[in-house]
Amino acid sequence: SQAESDAKTTKGVTPPGSLESDSYGAVRVEKMSRMRQTIARNMLQSYTTIPQLTNFDDVDVTDLERIRKDSQKDYDSQGVKLTTLPFLVKALAVALRNHPIVNASVSDEGNEIIYKEYVNIGIAVDTEKGLLVPVLRDADRKNIPQIASELVEIADAARKGTFKVEDLRGGTFTISNLGAIGGTYSTPIINPPEAAILLIGRSRMLPQ
């Protein structure tokens, strides 16, 4: 019946946590894990210490998609699905080498710029414990096959919880892939103490 359908619709999803109440009605209270507490502190640090500016651009990836599809056969035998991400990581690593001001951070005292001569790309991975950012080290010194293979390894380790804390440290720039869940545009939060972050939206067909 319509009444039963409406009841199911309005019930929604029961959130986790223990049942309690406040001045207005029932609430559920869930203690945050240490990981989520750390993520929350980092987000607060980002918004209070790093100026946030977002720029949106569309990029024609027609040629990149052709190269990716033509190269996939070479990766099938290795059991690696070749996505667009390894190409973007490599391109970004080269760009950071050519624009060191983006591959830099400000000192804790706020009076020095620290230029990193290594390029470590953080890859945001959505896990059950929250958004983790394992680091792909020396991305500028690796080729596409090496990057593709390591991306799979670090993402799996993050999702399975087999990573070490050190695997999340030392990044100089972060990539967040909104396109993986179908999104197009968003405003990502910079990962302190980095200077910038790149959010990738989904690729799609557009009229020329």
N, C-alpha and C. Protein backbone atom coordinates (compact mmCIF):
# COMPACT_ATOMS: atom_id res chain seq x y z
N SER A 1 0.84 -1.19 0.00
CA SER A 1 0.00 0.00 0.00
C SER A 1 0.88 1.24 0.00
N GLN A 2 0.24 2.39 -0.29
CA GLN A 2 0.98 3.65 -0.31
C GLN A 2 1.51 4.00 1.08
N ALA A 3 0.70 3.68 2.12
CA ALA A 3 1.12 3.99 3.50
C ALA A 3 2.37 3.21 3.87
N GLU A 4 2.40 1.91 3.49
CA GLU A 4 3.57 1.08 3.79
C GLU A 4 4.79 1.58 3.04
N SER A 5 4.57 1.98 1.77
CA SER A 5 5.66 2.51 0.96
C SER A 5 6.22 3.78 1.56
N ASP A 6 5.33 4.69 2.02
CA ASP A 6 5.77 5.93 2.64
C ASP A 6 6.55 5.67 3.92
N ALA A 7 6.09 4.65 4.69
CA ALA A 7 6.75 4.32 5.96
C ALA A 7 8.17 3.85 5.71
N LYS A 8 8.36 3.03 4.67
CA LYS A 8 9.69 2.54 4.33
C LYS A 8 10.58 3.68 3.87
N THR A 9 10.00 4.61 3.13
CA THR A 9 10.77 5.74 2.60
C THR A 9 11.24 6.66 3.72
N THR A 10 10.36 6.95 4.68
CA THR A 10 10.68 7.90 5.74
C THR A 10 11.56 7.30 6.83
N LYS A 11 11.59 5.95 6.93
CA LYS A 11 12.39 5.31 7.96
C LYS A 11 13.87 5.57 7.76
N GLY A 12 14.32 5.55 6.51
CA GLY A 12 15.72 5.84 6.21
C GLY A 12 16.65 4.73 6.67
N VAL A 13 17.88 5.10 6.95
CA VAL A 13 18.92 4.16 7.36
C VAL A 13 19.28 4.41 8.82
N THR A 14 19.34 3.35 9.60
CA THR A 14 19.71 3.50 11.01
C THR A 14 21.21 3.71 11.12
N PRO A 15 21.64 4.84 11.67
CA PRO A 15 23.08 5.09 11.80
C PRO A 15 23.70 4.23 12.89
N PRO A 16 25.02 4.09 12.87
CA PRO A 16 25.68 3.30 13.91
C PRO A 16 25.70 4.05 15.24
N GLY A 17 26.17 3.38 16.27
CA GLY A 17 26.30 4.03 17.57
C GLY A 17 25.25 3.57 18.56
N SER A 18 25.46 3.96 19.81
CA SER A 18 24.52 3.58 20.87
C SER A 18 23.38 4.60 20.95
N LEU A 19 22.20 4.10 21.27
CA LEU A 19 21.01 4.93 21.31
C LEU A 19 20.99 5.79 22.57
N GLU A 20 20.88 7.10 22.37
CA GLU A 20 20.77 8.05 23.48
C GLU A 20 19.74 9.10 23.09
N SER A 21 19.70 10.20 23.81
CA SER A 21 18.76 11.26 23.46
C SER A 21 19.35 12.61 23.85
N ASP A 22 18.91 13.63 23.13
CA ASP A 22 19.27 14.99 23.51
C ASP A 22 17.98 15.76 23.79
N SER A 23 18.03 17.07 23.82
CA SER A 23 16.84 17.86 24.18
C SER A 23 15.72 17.76 23.16
N TYR A 24 16.03 17.26 21.96
CA TYR A 24 15.03 17.27 20.89
C TYR A 24 14.53 15.88 20.50
N GLY A 25 15.18 14.83 20.98
CA GLY A 25 14.73 13.49 20.64
C GLY A 25 15.87 12.49 20.64
N ALA A 26 15.62 11.36 19.98
CA ALA A 26 16.58 10.26 19.97
C ALA A 26 17.79 10.59 19.10
N VAL A 27 18.96 10.18 19.56
CA VAL A 27 20.20 10.33 18.79
C VAL A 27 21.00 9.04 18.94
N ARG A 28 21.98 8.85 18.08
CA ARG A 28 22.91 7.75 18.22
C ARG A 28 24.33 8.32 18.32
N VAL A 29 25.10 7.82 19.26
CA VAL A 29 26.44 8.34 19.52
C VAL A 29 27.46 7.26 19.20
N GLU A 30 28.39 7.57 18.32
CA GLU A 30 29.44 6.63 17.93
C GLU A 30 30.80 7.23 18.26
N LYS A 31 31.62 6.51 18.99
CA LYS A 31 32.97 6.98 19.30
C LYS A 31 33.82 6.91 18.04
N MET A 32 34.52 7.98 17.75
CA MET A 32 35.37 8.01 16.56
C MET A 32 36.63 7.18 16.80
N SER A 33 37.04 6.44 15.77
CA SER A 33 38.29 5.69 15.85
C SER A 33 39.46 6.68 15.85
N ARG A 34 40.62 6.21 16.25
CA ARG A 34 41.81 7.07 16.24
C ARG A 34 42.11 7.57 14.83
N MET A 35 41.85 6.69 13.85
CA MET A 35 42.09 7.07 12.46
C MET A 35 41.20 8.23 12.06
N ARG A 36 39.91 8.13 12.39
CA ARG A 36 38.98 9.21 12.04
C ARG A 36 39.29 10.50 12.81
N GLN A 37 39.73 10.37 14.04
CA GLN A 37 40.13 11.55 14.81
C GLN A 37 41.32 12.25 14.14
N THR A 38 42.27 11.45 13.66
CA THR A 38 43.45 12.00 12.98
C THR A 38 43.04 12.69 11.69
N ILE A 39 42.13 12.05 10.92
CA ILE A 39 41.64 12.65 9.68
C ILE A 39 40.95 13.99 9.97
N ALA A 40 40.14 14.03 11.02
CA ALA A 40 39.42 15.25 11.39
C ALA A 40 40.39 16.36 11.76
N ARG A 41 41.43 16.02 12.53
CA ARG A 41 42.43 17.03 12.92
C ARG A 41 43.16 17.57 11.69
N ASN A 42 43.50 16.68 10.75
CA ASN A 42 44.20 17.12 9.54
C ASN A 42 43.33 18.02 8.68
N MET A 43 42.03 17.71 8.60
CA MET A 43 41.12 18.55 7.83
C MET A 43 41.01 19.94 8.45
N LEU A 44 40.93 19.97 9.78
CA LEU A 44 40.86 21.25 10.47
C LEU A 44 42.14 22.05 10.27
N GLN A 45 43.29 21.36 10.37
CA GLN A 45 44.57 22.03 10.15
C GLN A 45 44.64 22.60 8.73
N SER A 46 44.15 21.84 7.77
CA SER A 46 44.18 22.29 6.38
C SER A 46 43.38 23.58 6.21
N TYR A 47 42.17 23.60 6.73
CA TYR A 47 41.30 24.76 6.53
C TYR A 47 41.74 25.98 7.34
N THR A 48 42.47 25.76 8.41
CA THR A 48 42.86 26.90 9.24
C THR A 48 44.27 27.40 8.94
N THR A 49 45.08 26.62 8.21
CA THR A 49 46.46 27.04 7.96
C THR A 49 46.82 27.17 6.49
N ILE A 50 45.99 26.63 5.58
CA ILE A 50 46.30 26.68 4.15
C ILE A 50 45.19 27.41 3.40
N PRO A 51 45.52 28.49 2.68
CA PRO A 51 44.49 29.17 1.88
C PRO A 51 43.90 28.20 0.85
N GLN A 52 42.57 28.16 0.75
CA GLN A 52 41.90 27.22 -0.14
C GLN A 52 41.38 27.96 -1.38
N LEU A 53 41.84 27.53 -2.55
CA LEU A 53 41.39 28.10 -3.82
C LEU A 53 41.18 26.95 -4.80
N THR A 54 40.02 26.90 -5.43
CA THR A 54 39.71 25.81 -6.35
C THR A 54 39.56 26.33 -7.76
N ASN A 55 40.18 25.62 -8.72
CA ASN A 55 40.05 25.94 -10.13
C ASN A 55 39.50 24.72 -10.86
N PHE A 56 38.52 24.93 -11.75
CA PHE A 56 37.92 23.83 -12.50
C PHE A 56 38.32 23.93 -13.97
N ASP A 57 38.74 22.81 -14.55
CA ASP A 57 39.08 22.76 -15.97
C ASP A 57 38.62 21.43 -16.55
N ASP A 58 38.19 21.46 -17.81
CA ASP A 58 37.92 20.23 -18.56
C ASP A 58 39.10 19.98 -19.48
N VAL A 59 39.51 18.73 -19.58
CA VAL A 59 40.67 18.36 -20.40
C VAL A 59 40.26 17.32 -21.42
N ASP A 60 40.69 17.50 -22.66
CA ASP A 60 40.40 16.54 -23.72
C ASP A 60 41.34 15.35 -23.57
N VAL A 61 40.79 14.19 -23.22
CA VAL A 61 41.61 12.99 -23.01
C VAL A 61 41.41 11.96 -24.12
N THR A 62 40.97 12.41 -25.27
CA THR A 62 40.72 11.50 -26.39
C THR A 62 41.96 10.71 -26.77
N ASP A 63 43.08 11.40 -26.95
CA ASP A 63 44.32 10.72 -27.34
C ASP A 63 44.83 9.83 -26.21
N LEU A 64 44.68 10.30 -24.97
CA LEU A 64 45.11 9.49 -23.83
C LEU A 64 44.32 8.19 -23.74
N GLU A 65 43.01 8.27 -23.97
CA GLU A 65 42.17 7.07 -23.93
C GLU A 65 42.57 6.09 -25.03
N ARG A 66 42.92 6.62 -26.19
CA ARG A 66 43.35 5.75 -27.30
C ARG A 66 44.64 5.02 -26.92
N ILE A 67 45.59 5.76 -26.36
CA ILE A 67 46.86 5.16 -25.95
C ILE A 67 46.63 4.11 -24.86
N ARG A 68 45.76 4.43 -23.91
CA ARG A 68 45.48 3.51 -22.81
C ARG A 68 44.88 2.20 -23.33
N LYS A 69 43.91 2.31 -24.20
CA LYS A 69 43.26 1.10 -24.73
C LYS A 69 44.22 0.28 -25.58
N ASP A 70 45.06 0.97 -26.37
CA ASP A 70 46.02 0.26 -27.20
C ASP A 70 47.08 -0.46 -26.35
N SER A 71 47.34 0.08 -25.15
CA SER A 71 48.38 -0.48 -24.28
C SER A 71 47.85 -1.58 -23.36
N GLN A 72 46.53 -1.68 -23.23
CA GLN A 72 45.95 -2.60 -22.25
C GLN A 72 46.37 -4.05 -22.50
N LYS A 73 46.51 -4.44 -23.77
CA LYS A 73 46.88 -5.81 -24.09
C LYS A 73 48.21 -6.19 -23.45
N ASP A 74 49.13 -5.24 -23.38
CA ASP A 74 50.44 -5.52 -22.81
C ASP A 74 50.36 -5.76 -21.31
N TYR A 75 49.31 -5.27 -20.67
CA TYR A 75 49.18 -5.38 -19.22
C TYR A 75 48.31 -6.56 -18.80
N ASP A 76 47.49 -7.05 -19.74
CA ASP A 76 46.58 -8.16 -19.42
C ASP A 76 47.33 -9.38 -18.90
N SER A 77 48.47 -9.68 -19.52
CA SER A 77 49.24 -10.86 -19.12
C SER A 77 49.79 -10.73 -17.70
N GLN A 78 49.92 -9.48 -17.23
CA GLN A 78 50.43 -9.23 -15.88
C GLN A 78 49.29 -9.12 -14.87
N GLY A 79 48.05 -9.19 -15.37
CA GLY A 79 46.90 -9.09 -14.49
C GLY A 79 46.67 -7.69 -13.96
N VAL A 80 47.16 -6.68 -14.69
CA VAL A 80 47.01 -5.28 -14.27
C VAL A 80 46.03 -4.57 -15.19
N LYS A 81 44.97 -4.01 -14.60
CA LYS A 81 44.02 -3.21 -15.37
C LYS A 81 44.59 -1.81 -15.52
N LEU A 82 44.85 -1.43 -16.75
CA LEU A 82 45.46 -0.13 -17.00
C LEU A 82 44.39 0.96 -17.03
N THR A 83 44.37 1.80 -16.02
CA THR A 83 43.42 2.91 -15.96
C THR A 83 44.13 4.19 -16.41
N THR A 84 43.40 5.28 -16.37
CA THR A 84 43.99 6.57 -16.74
C THR A 84 44.94 7.08 -15.67
N LEU A 85 44.75 6.64 -14.43
CA LEU A 85 45.49 7.19 -13.29
C LEU A 85 47.01 7.10 -13.42
N PRO A 86 47.60 5.96 -13.83
CA PRO A 86 49.07 5.93 -13.95
C PRO A 86 49.63 6.98 -14.89
N PHE A 87 48.91 7.25 -15.99
CA PHE A 87 49.35 8.27 -16.93
C PHE A 87 49.30 9.66 -16.28
N LEU A 88 48.24 9.90 -15.52
CA LEU A 88 48.10 11.20 -14.85
C LEU A 88 49.15 11.37 -13.77
N VAL A 89 49.45 10.30 -13.04
CA VAL A 89 50.48 10.37 -12.01
C VAL A 89 51.83 10.73 -12.63
N LYS A 90 52.16 10.08 -13.73
CA LYS A 90 53.43 10.34 -14.39
C LYS A 90 53.49 11.77 -14.92
N ALA A 91 52.42 12.21 -15.56
CA ALA A 91 52.37 13.58 -16.08
C ALA A 91 52.49 14.60 -14.96
N LEU A 92 51.81 14.33 -13.86
CA LEU A 92 51.85 15.23 -12.71
C LEU A 92 53.25 15.28 -12.10
N ALA A 93 53.90 14.11 -12.00
CA ALA A 93 55.24 14.06 -11.43
C ALA A 93 56.22 14.89 -12.25
N VAL A 94 56.11 14.80 -13.57
CA VAL A 94 56.97 15.59 -14.45
C VAL A 94 56.66 17.08 -14.29
N ALA A 95 55.37 17.42 -14.19
CA ALA A 95 54.97 18.81 -14.01
C ALA A 95 55.51 19.38 -12.70
N LEU A 96 55.49 18.58 -11.64
CA LEU A 96 56.00 19.05 -10.35
C LEU A 96 57.50 19.28 -10.40
N ARG A 97 58.21 18.47 -11.18
CA ARG A 97 59.64 18.68 -11.38
C ARG A 97 59.90 20.02 -12.06
N ASN A 98 59.02 20.37 -12.99
CA ASN A 98 59.18 21.61 -13.75
C ASN A 98 58.63 22.83 -13.02
N HIS A 99 57.82 22.60 -11.98
CA HIS A 99 57.24 23.70 -11.20
C HIS A 99 57.42 23.41 -9.71
N PRO A 100 58.66 23.54 -9.22
CA PRO A 100 58.98 23.15 -7.85
C PRO A 100 58.22 23.91 -6.77
N ILE A 101 57.68 25.08 -7.09
CA ILE A 101 56.95 25.84 -6.08
C ILE A 101 55.69 25.09 -5.64
N VAL A 102 55.15 24.22 -6.53
CA VAL A 102 53.97 23.44 -6.18
C VAL A 102 54.36 22.20 -5.39
N ASN A 103 55.62 21.78 -5.57
CA ASN A 103 56.13 20.61 -4.85
C ASN A 103 56.90 21.08 -3.61
N ALA A 104 56.27 21.96 -2.86
CA ALA A 104 56.94 22.61 -1.73
C ALA A 104 55.97 22.74 -0.57
N SER A 105 56.50 23.18 0.55
CA SER A 105 55.66 23.46 1.72
C SER A 105 56.26 24.63 2.48
N VAL A 106 55.46 25.20 3.37
CA VAL A 106 55.92 26.28 4.23
C VAL A 106 56.35 25.68 5.56
N SER A 107 57.44 26.17 6.12
CA SER A 107 57.95 25.64 7.38
C SER A 107 56.94 25.87 8.50
N ASP A 108 57.07 25.10 9.58
CA ASP A 108 56.17 25.24 10.71
C ASP A 108 56.20 26.65 11.29
N GLU A 109 57.36 27.29 11.21
CA GLU A 109 57.49 28.65 11.74
C GLU A 109 56.88 29.68 10.80
N GLY A 110 56.65 29.29 9.55
CA GLY A 110 56.03 30.20 8.59
C GLY A 110 56.97 31.20 7.97
N ASN A 111 58.27 30.98 8.07
CA ASN A 111 59.22 31.96 7.53
C ASN A 111 60.13 31.38 6.44
N GLU A 112 59.88 30.13 6.02
CA GLU A 112 60.71 29.51 4.99
C GLU A 112 59.84 28.67 4.05
N ILE A 113 60.27 28.62 2.79
CA ILE A 113 59.65 27.71 1.81
C ILE A 113 60.59 26.53 1.65
N ILE A 114 60.07 25.33 1.79
CA ILE A 114 60.88 24.12 1.69
C ILE A 114 60.56 23.43 0.36
N TYR A 115 61.52 23.48 -0.57
CA TYR A 115 61.35 22.85 -1.87
C TYR A 115 61.77 21.39 -1.79
N LYS A 116 60.87 20.48 -2.13
CA LYS A 116 61.18 19.05 -2.07
C LYS A 116 61.84 18.61 -3.38
N GLU A 117 62.98 17.97 -3.28
CA GLU A 117 63.65 17.46 -4.48
C GLU A 117 63.24 16.03 -4.79
N TYR A 118 62.28 15.52 -4.05
CA TYR A 118 61.67 14.23 -4.34
C TYR A 118 60.20 14.47 -4.66
N VAL A 119 59.63 13.60 -5.46
CA VAL A 119 58.22 13.74 -5.85
C VAL A 119 57.47 12.50 -5.36
N ASN A 120 56.73 12.68 -4.28
CA ASN A 120 55.95 11.59 -3.67
C ASN A 120 54.47 11.92 -3.81
N ILE A 121 53.76 11.14 -4.59
CA ILE A 121 52.36 11.43 -4.88
C ILE A 121 51.44 10.63 -3.95
N GLY A 122 50.65 11.34 -3.16
CA GLY A 122 49.65 10.70 -2.32
C GLY A 122 48.41 10.37 -3.15
N ILE A 123 47.87 9.18 -2.96
CA ILE A 123 46.68 8.75 -3.69
C ILE A 123 45.55 8.53 -2.68
N ALA A 124 44.54 9.38 -2.72
CA ALA A 124 43.42 9.25 -1.78
C ALA A 124 42.64 7.97 -2.07
N VAL A 125 42.44 7.16 -1.02
CA VAL A 125 41.74 5.88 -1.16
C VAL A 125 40.62 5.83 -0.12
N ASP A 126 39.41 5.58 -0.57
CA ASP A 126 38.27 5.47 0.34
C ASP A 126 38.25 4.08 0.95
N THR A 127 38.30 4.00 2.28
CA THR A 127 38.30 2.71 2.97
C THR A 127 37.23 2.71 4.06
N GLU A 128 37.03 1.57 4.69
CA GLU A 128 36.06 1.47 5.78
C GLU A 128 36.48 2.31 6.97
N LYS A 129 37.78 2.58 7.09
CA LYS A 129 38.29 3.38 8.21
C LYS A 129 38.29 4.87 7.90
N GLY A 130 37.90 5.23 6.69
CA GLY A 130 37.91 6.63 6.30
C GLY A 130 38.80 6.83 5.08
N LEU A 131 38.98 8.07 4.69
CA LEU A 131 39.80 8.40 3.53
C LEU A 131 41.28 8.38 3.91
N LEU A 132 42.01 7.43 3.34
CA LEU A 132 43.44 7.31 3.60
C LEU A 132 44.22 7.76 2.36
N VAL A 133 45.46 8.22 2.59
CA VAL A 133 46.28 8.71 1.48
C VAL A 133 47.64 8.03 1.49
N PRO A 134 47.72 6.79 0.99
CA PRO A 134 49.03 6.15 0.87
C PRO A 134 49.88 6.87 -0.17
N VAL A 135 51.18 6.78 -0.02
CA VAL A 135 52.10 7.58 -0.85
C VAL A 135 52.86 6.71 -1.84
N LEU A 136 52.84 7.13 -3.10
CA LEU A 136 53.64 6.51 -4.15
C LEU A 136 54.94 7.31 -4.24
N ARG A 137 56.03 6.73 -3.81
CA ARG A 137 57.30 7.45 -3.69
C ARG A 137 58.08 7.50 -5.00
N ASP A 138 58.78 8.63 -5.20
CA ASP A 138 59.65 8.84 -6.37
C ASP A 138 58.90 8.58 -7.67
N ALA A 139 57.71 9.13 -7.77
CA ALA A 139 56.87 8.91 -8.96
C ALA A 139 57.54 9.42 -10.23
N ASP A 140 58.38 10.45 -10.12
CA ASP A 140 59.03 11.01 -11.29
C ASP A 140 60.10 10.08 -11.86
N ARG A 141 60.56 9.13 -11.06
CA ARG A 141 61.63 8.22 -11.50
C ARG A 141 61.08 6.88 -11.99
N LYS A 142 59.76 6.74 -12.01
CA LYS A 142 59.16 5.46 -12.39
C LYS A 142 58.42 5.57 -13.71
N ASN A 143 58.37 4.45 -14.43
CA ASN A 143 57.65 4.43 -15.70
C ASN A 143 56.19 4.04 -15.47
N ILE A 144 55.40 4.07 -16.52
CA ILE A 144 53.98 3.79 -16.41
C ILE A 144 53.70 2.39 -15.84
N PRO A 145 54.37 1.33 -16.34
CA PRO A 145 54.10 0.00 -15.76
C PRO A 145 54.39 -0.08 -14.26
N GLN A 146 55.49 0.53 -13.82
CA GLN A 146 55.83 0.51 -12.40
C GLN A 146 54.78 1.25 -11.58
N ILE A 147 54.34 2.39 -12.09
CA ILE A 147 53.33 3.19 -11.38
C ILE A 147 52.01 2.43 -11.32
N ALA A 148 51.60 1.83 -12.44
CA ALA A 148 50.33 1.08 -12.47
C ALA A 148 50.34 -0.05 -11.46
N SER A 149 51.45 -0.77 -11.39
CA SER A 149 51.56 -1.90 -10.47
C SER A 149 51.54 -1.44 -9.02
N GLU A 150 52.29 -0.38 -8.72
CA GLU A 150 52.35 0.11 -7.33
C GLU A 150 51.05 0.73 -6.88
N LEU A 151 50.31 1.35 -7.79
CA LEU A 151 49.02 1.93 -7.44
C LEU A 151 48.06 0.85 -6.95
N VAL A 152 48.08 -0.29 -7.62
CA VAL A 152 47.23 -1.42 -7.20
C VAL A 152 47.65 -1.89 -5.81
N GLU A 153 48.95 -2.00 -5.59
CA GLU A 153 49.48 -2.51 -4.32
C GLU A 153 49.12 -1.59 -3.15
N ILE A 154 49.33 -0.28 -3.32
CA ILE A 154 49.09 0.62 -2.20
C ILE A 154 47.60 0.79 -1.91
N ALA A 155 46.77 0.73 -2.96
CA ALA A 155 45.32 0.83 -2.75
C ALA A 155 44.81 -0.41 -2.03
N ASP A 156 45.30 -1.58 -2.41
CA ASP A 156 44.90 -2.83 -1.75
C ASP A 156 45.32 -2.83 -0.29
N ALA A 157 46.55 -2.39 -0.02
CA ALA A 157 47.05 -2.35 1.35
C ALA A 157 46.21 -1.40 2.20
N ALA A 158 45.80 -0.27 1.62
CA ALA A 158 44.98 0.69 2.36
C ALA A 158 43.62 0.11 2.69
N ARG A 159 43.01 -0.57 1.73
CA ARG A 159 41.66 -1.12 1.94
C ARG A 159 41.68 -2.32 2.88
N LYS A 160 42.76 -3.12 2.83
CA LYS A 160 42.85 -4.30 3.68
C LYS A 160 43.41 -3.98 5.06
N GLY A 161 43.95 -2.76 5.23
CA GLY A 161 44.51 -2.37 6.52
C GLY A 161 45.88 -2.97 6.78
N THR A 162 46.60 -3.36 5.72
CA THR A 162 47.92 -3.97 5.89
C THR A 162 49.05 -2.96 5.72
N PHE A 163 48.71 -1.68 5.61
CA PHE A 163 49.73 -0.65 5.42
C PHE A 163 50.41 -0.31 6.75
N LYS A 164 51.56 0.36 6.64
CA LYS A 164 52.25 0.89 7.81
C LYS A 164 51.98 2.39 7.87
N VAL A 165 52.06 2.95 9.05
CA VAL A 165 51.83 4.40 9.21
C VAL A 165 52.78 5.19 8.31
N GLU A 166 54.00 4.69 8.16
CA GLU A 166 54.99 5.36 7.34
C GLU A 166 54.54 5.44 5.88
N ASP A 167 53.69 4.50 5.45
CA ASP A 167 53.20 4.50 4.08
C ASP A 167 52.30 5.69 3.79
N LEU A 168 51.81 6.35 4.84
CA LEU A 168 50.91 7.50 4.68
C LEU A 168 51.65 8.82 4.82
N ARG A 169 52.95 8.78 5.04
CA ARG A 169 53.71 9.99 5.30
C ARG A 169 54.67 10.33 4.16
N GLY A 170 55.07 11.60 4.09
CA GLY A 170 56.09 12.01 3.14
C GLY A 170 55.58 12.43 1.78
N GLY A 171 54.26 12.57 1.62
CA GLY A 171 53.72 13.01 0.33
C GLY A 171 54.04 14.47 0.05
N THR A 172 54.22 14.79 -1.23
CA THR A 172 54.46 16.19 -1.62
C THR A 172 53.29 16.77 -2.41
N PHE A 173 52.39 15.90 -2.87
CA PHE A 173 51.21 16.32 -3.64
C PHE A 173 50.21 15.17 -3.59
N THR A 174 48.92 15.49 -3.64
CA THR A 174 47.90 14.45 -3.54
C THR A 174 46.96 14.47 -4.74
N ILE A 175 46.54 13.27 -5.16
CA ILE A 175 45.52 13.11 -6.18
C ILE A 175 44.30 12.45 -5.54
N SER A 176 43.12 13.00 -5.78
CA SER A 176 41.88 12.40 -5.33
C SER A 176 41.03 12.11 -6.55
N ASN A 177 40.52 10.89 -6.67
CA ASN A 177 39.82 10.46 -7.88
C ASN A 177 38.31 10.40 -7.66
N LEU A 178 37.65 11.51 -7.89
CA LEU A 178 36.19 11.56 -7.74
C LEU A 178 35.51 10.78 -8.86
N GLY A 179 36.17 10.69 -10.01
CA GLY A 179 35.59 9.98 -11.14
C GLY A 179 35.35 8.52 -10.86
N ALA A 180 36.10 7.95 -9.91
CA ALA A 180 35.95 6.52 -9.58
C ALA A 180 34.56 6.21 -9.05
N ILE A 181 33.89 7.23 -8.46
CA ILE A 181 32.53 7.01 -7.95
C ILE A 181 31.50 7.77 -8.79
N GLY A 182 31.95 8.27 -9.95
CA GLY A 182 31.02 8.86 -10.90
C GLY A 182 30.86 10.36 -10.80
N GLY A 183 31.61 11.01 -9.91
CA GLY A 183 31.49 12.46 -9.77
C GLY A 183 32.28 13.21 -10.82
N THR A 184 31.94 14.46 -11.01
CA THR A 184 32.61 15.27 -12.04
C THR A 184 33.40 16.43 -11.43
N TYR A 185 32.78 17.21 -10.56
CA TYR A 185 33.45 18.37 -9.97
C TYR A 185 33.29 18.35 -8.44
N SER A 186 34.30 18.85 -7.75
CA SER A 186 34.23 18.97 -6.31
C SER A 186 35.37 19.88 -5.85
N THR A 187 35.39 20.19 -4.57
CA THR A 187 36.45 21.04 -4.01
C THR A 187 37.20 20.26 -2.94
N PRO A 188 38.29 19.59 -3.31
CA PRO A 188 39.04 18.77 -2.35
C PRO A 188 39.77 19.63 -1.33
N ILE A 189 40.10 19.03 -0.21
CA ILE A 189 40.84 19.71 0.86
C ILE A 189 42.31 19.35 0.75
N ILE A 190 43.17 20.34 0.78
CA ILE A 190 44.61 20.13 0.66
C ILE A 190 45.13 19.32 1.84
N ASN A 191 46.02 18.40 1.56
CA ASN A 191 46.59 17.52 2.57
C ASN A 191 47.82 18.19 3.20
N PRO A 192 47.74 18.69 4.43
CA PRO A 192 48.89 19.39 5.04
C PRO A 192 50.10 18.47 5.15
N PRO A 193 51.33 18.99 4.96
CA PRO A 193 51.68 20.40 4.70
C PRO A 193 51.84 20.71 3.22
N GLU A 194 51.19 19.93 2.35
CA GLU A 194 51.34 20.13 0.92
C GLU A 194 50.75 21.47 0.48
N ALA A 195 51.09 21.87 -0.75
CA ALA A 195 50.66 23.17 -1.24
C ALA A 195 49.42 23.09 -2.13
N ALA A 196 49.13 21.89 -2.65
CA ALA A 196 48.01 21.78 -3.59
C ALA A 196 47.53 20.34 -3.66
N ILE A 197 46.38 20.16 -4.31
CA ILE A 197 45.79 18.83 -4.52
C ILE A 197 45.08 18.85 -5.86
N LEU A 198 45.05 17.70 -6.53
CA LEU A 198 44.35 17.57 -7.80
C LEU A 198 43.20 16.59 -7.63
N LEU A 199 41.99 17.02 -7.98
CA LEU A 199 40.84 16.12 -7.96
C LEU A 199 40.47 15.79 -9.40
N ILE A 200 40.37 14.49 -9.69
CA ILE A 200 40.04 14.02 -11.04
C ILE A 200 38.57 13.66 -11.10
N GLY A 201 37.86 14.23 -12.05
CA GLY A 201 36.46 13.87 -12.26
C GLY A 201 36.33 12.76 -13.29
N ARG A 202 35.13 12.28 -13.50
CA ARG A 202 34.90 11.20 -14.44
C ARG A 202 35.11 11.69 -15.88
N SER A 203 35.62 10.81 -16.72
CA SER A 203 35.72 11.15 -18.14
C SER A 203 34.36 10.89 -18.79
N ARG A 204 34.01 11.69 -19.78
CA ARG A 204 32.70 11.58 -20.41
C ARG A 204 32.76 12.14 -21.83
N MET A 205 31.81 11.73 -22.62
CA MET A 205 31.74 12.21 -24.00
C MET A 205 31.07 13.59 -24.04
N LEU A 206 31.69 14.51 -24.74
CA LEU A 206 31.13 15.85 -24.89
C LEU A 206 31.14 16.24 -26.37
N PRO A 207 30.20 17.07 -26.80
CA PRO A 207 30.20 17.53 -28.22
C PRO A 207 31.41 18.43 -28.47
N GLN A 208 31.96 18.32 -29.68
CA GLN A 208 33.12 19.15 -30.03
C GLN A 208 32.69 20.55 -30.42
